[in-house]
Amino acid sequence: MAVAMFMRWPGVTSAQYDSIMGRLGLDSNPAAGGVLHVAAVTETGLEVCDVWQTEQAFRGFFENRFLPLATELNLEGQPEIELVQLHNLYAADPEMIDRIGVVSVPAAVASWAV
């Protein structure tokens, strides 16, 4: 069953987020079971919302790929994570998602500028 994952990680900066995302290499090696990832860095830290095909897919990615990198990069504190059953997924412009493809926004924006 699909789940939405909400994560808050106080104190994480945009540079730290960019570093971990670069090291994860999701553009070339997507997370098994990952559907959608949205992130924002606020005054208090990192806010993430993901959609995963299953809770098990999220937990496998988190424990085997994400946490080892977070530890290696010495991210302080612990994330607050909430997993809930996904009720709906709506995309106002699915063609934009098709144009972006399986890339992160910074990579997609860079390719549009060319």
Protein backbone atom coordinates (compact mmCIF):
# COMPACT_ATOMS: atom_id res chain seq x y z
CA MET A 1 0.00 0.00 0.00
CA ALA A 2 1.34 3.44 -0.97
CA VAL A 3 2.44 5.74 1.84
CA ALA A 4 3.25 9.39 2.29
CA MET A 5 6.35 10.11 4.32
CA PHE A 6 6.72 13.45 6.09
CA MET A 7 10.12 14.29 7.54
CA ARG A 8 11.31 17.28 9.53
CA TRP A 9 14.99 17.55 10.33
CA PRO A 10 15.74 20.66 12.38
CA GLY A 11 19.04 22.35 11.64
CA VAL A 12 19.73 20.76 8.24
CA THR A 13 20.89 23.40 5.75
CA SER A 14 20.38 23.61 2.00
CA ALA A 15 24.09 22.84 1.49
CA GLN A 16 23.78 19.67 3.58
CA TYR A 17 20.64 18.63 1.73
CA ASP A 18 22.30 19.24 -1.66
CA SER A 19 25.33 17.26 -0.56
CA ILE A 20 23.36 14.22 0.54
CA MET A 21 21.18 14.33 -2.58
CA GLY A 22 24.26 14.50 -4.79
CA ARG A 23 25.81 11.54 -3.01
CA LEU A 24 22.58 9.51 -3.22
CA GLY A 25 22.68 9.81 -7.01
CA LEU A 26 18.95 9.34 -7.39
CA ASP A 27 18.95 10.66 -10.96
CA SER A 28 21.05 7.71 -12.13
CA ASN A 29 20.10 5.22 -9.40
CA PRO A 30 16.51 5.87 -8.27
CA ALA A 31 15.26 4.47 -4.99
CA ALA A 32 13.30 1.25 -5.48
CA GLY A 33 9.67 2.01 -4.71
CA GLY A 34 10.11 5.78 -4.66
CA VAL A 35 7.37 7.71 -6.45
CA LEU A 36 7.78 11.40 -5.61
CA HIS A 37 10.13 13.56 -3.53
CA VAL A 38 9.54 17.18 -2.54
CA ALA A 39 11.87 19.09 -0.23
CA ALA A 40 12.09 22.58 1.24
CA VAL A 41 14.64 24.15 3.52
CA THR A 42 13.06 26.55 5.97
CA GLU A 43 14.41 28.79 8.71
CA THR A 44 14.23 25.82 11.09
CA GLY A 45 15.62 23.08 8.84
CA LEU A 46 14.64 20.50 6.25
CA GLU A 47 11.03 19.59 5.41
CA VAL A 48 10.43 16.61 3.10
CA CYS A 49 7.37 14.90 1.68
CA ASP A 50 7.81 11.67 -0.25
CA VAL A 51 5.40 9.19 -1.79
CA TRP A 52 6.49 5.55 -1.69
CA GLN A 53 4.89 2.45 -3.18
CA THR A 54 5.16 0.72 0.22
CA GLU A 55 6.36 1.43 3.74
CA GLN A 56 8.92 -1.35 3.31
CA ALA A 57 10.39 0.40 0.25
CA PHE A 58 10.84 3.61 2.26
CA ARG A 59 12.36 1.84 5.25
CA GLY A 60 14.81 -0.09 3.04
CA PHE A 61 15.96 3.11 1.33
CA PHE A 62 16.15 5.06 4.56
CA GLU A 63 18.11 2.44 6.49
CA ASN A 64 20.39 1.21 3.71
CA ARG A 65 21.10 4.31 1.63
CA PHE A 66 20.02 7.50 3.41
CA LEU A 67 21.11 6.97 7.03
CA PRO A 68 24.65 5.78 6.20
CA LEU A 69 25.23 8.96 4.17
CA ALA A 70 23.67 11.18 6.84
CA THR A 71 26.03 9.60 9.38
CA GLU A 72 29.02 9.99 7.07
CA LEU A 73 28.17 13.67 6.52
CA ASN A 74 27.75 14.19 10.29
CA LEU A 75 24.22 15.58 10.10
CA GLU A 76 23.31 16.59 13.62
CA GLY A 77 20.15 15.59 15.42
CA GLN A 78 17.56 13.12 14.27
CA PRO A 79 14.76 13.46 11.76
CA GLU A 80 11.14 13.39 12.86
CA ILE A 81 9.37 10.99 10.49
CA GLU A 82 5.69 10.27 10.03
CA LEU A 83 4.38 7.60 7.64
CA VAL A 84 0.72 7.57 6.67
CA GLN A 85 -1.33 5.68 4.14
CA LEU A 86 -1.58 7.67 0.92
CA HIS A 87 -5.12 8.79 0.25
CA ASN A 88 -4.64 10.69 -3.02
CA LEU A 89 -1.94 11.91 -5.38
CA TYR A 90 -2.90 14.78 -7.67
CA ALA A 91 -0.65 16.45 -10.22
CA ALA A 92 -2.04 19.62 -11.81
CA ASP A 93 0.41 19.41 -14.72
CA PRO A 94 1.44 15.79 -15.31
CA GLU A 95 3.02 16.76 -18.65
CA MET A 96 5.53 18.87 -16.72
CA ILE A 97 6.44 15.80 -14.67
CA ASP A 98 6.90 13.87 -17.93
CA ARG A 99 9.16 16.63 -19.29
CA ILE A 100 11.24 16.67 -16.13
CA GLY A 101 11.55 12.88 -16.11
CA VAL A 102 13.56 11.08 -13.47
CA VAL A 103 15.80 13.96 -12.45
CA SER A 104 16.04 16.30 -9.57
CA VAL A 105 14.82 19.87 -10.04
CA PRO A 106 18.33 21.42 -10.08
CA ALA A 107 19.35 19.04 -12.87
CA ALA A 108 16.13 19.68 -14.78
CA VAL A 109 16.42 23.46 -14.46
CA ALA A 110 20.01 23.31 -15.68
CA SER A 111 18.95 21.31 -18.75
CA TRP A 112 16.13 23.77 -19.54
CA ALA A 113 18.58 26.67 -19.49
CA VAL A 114 20.65 25.14 -22.29
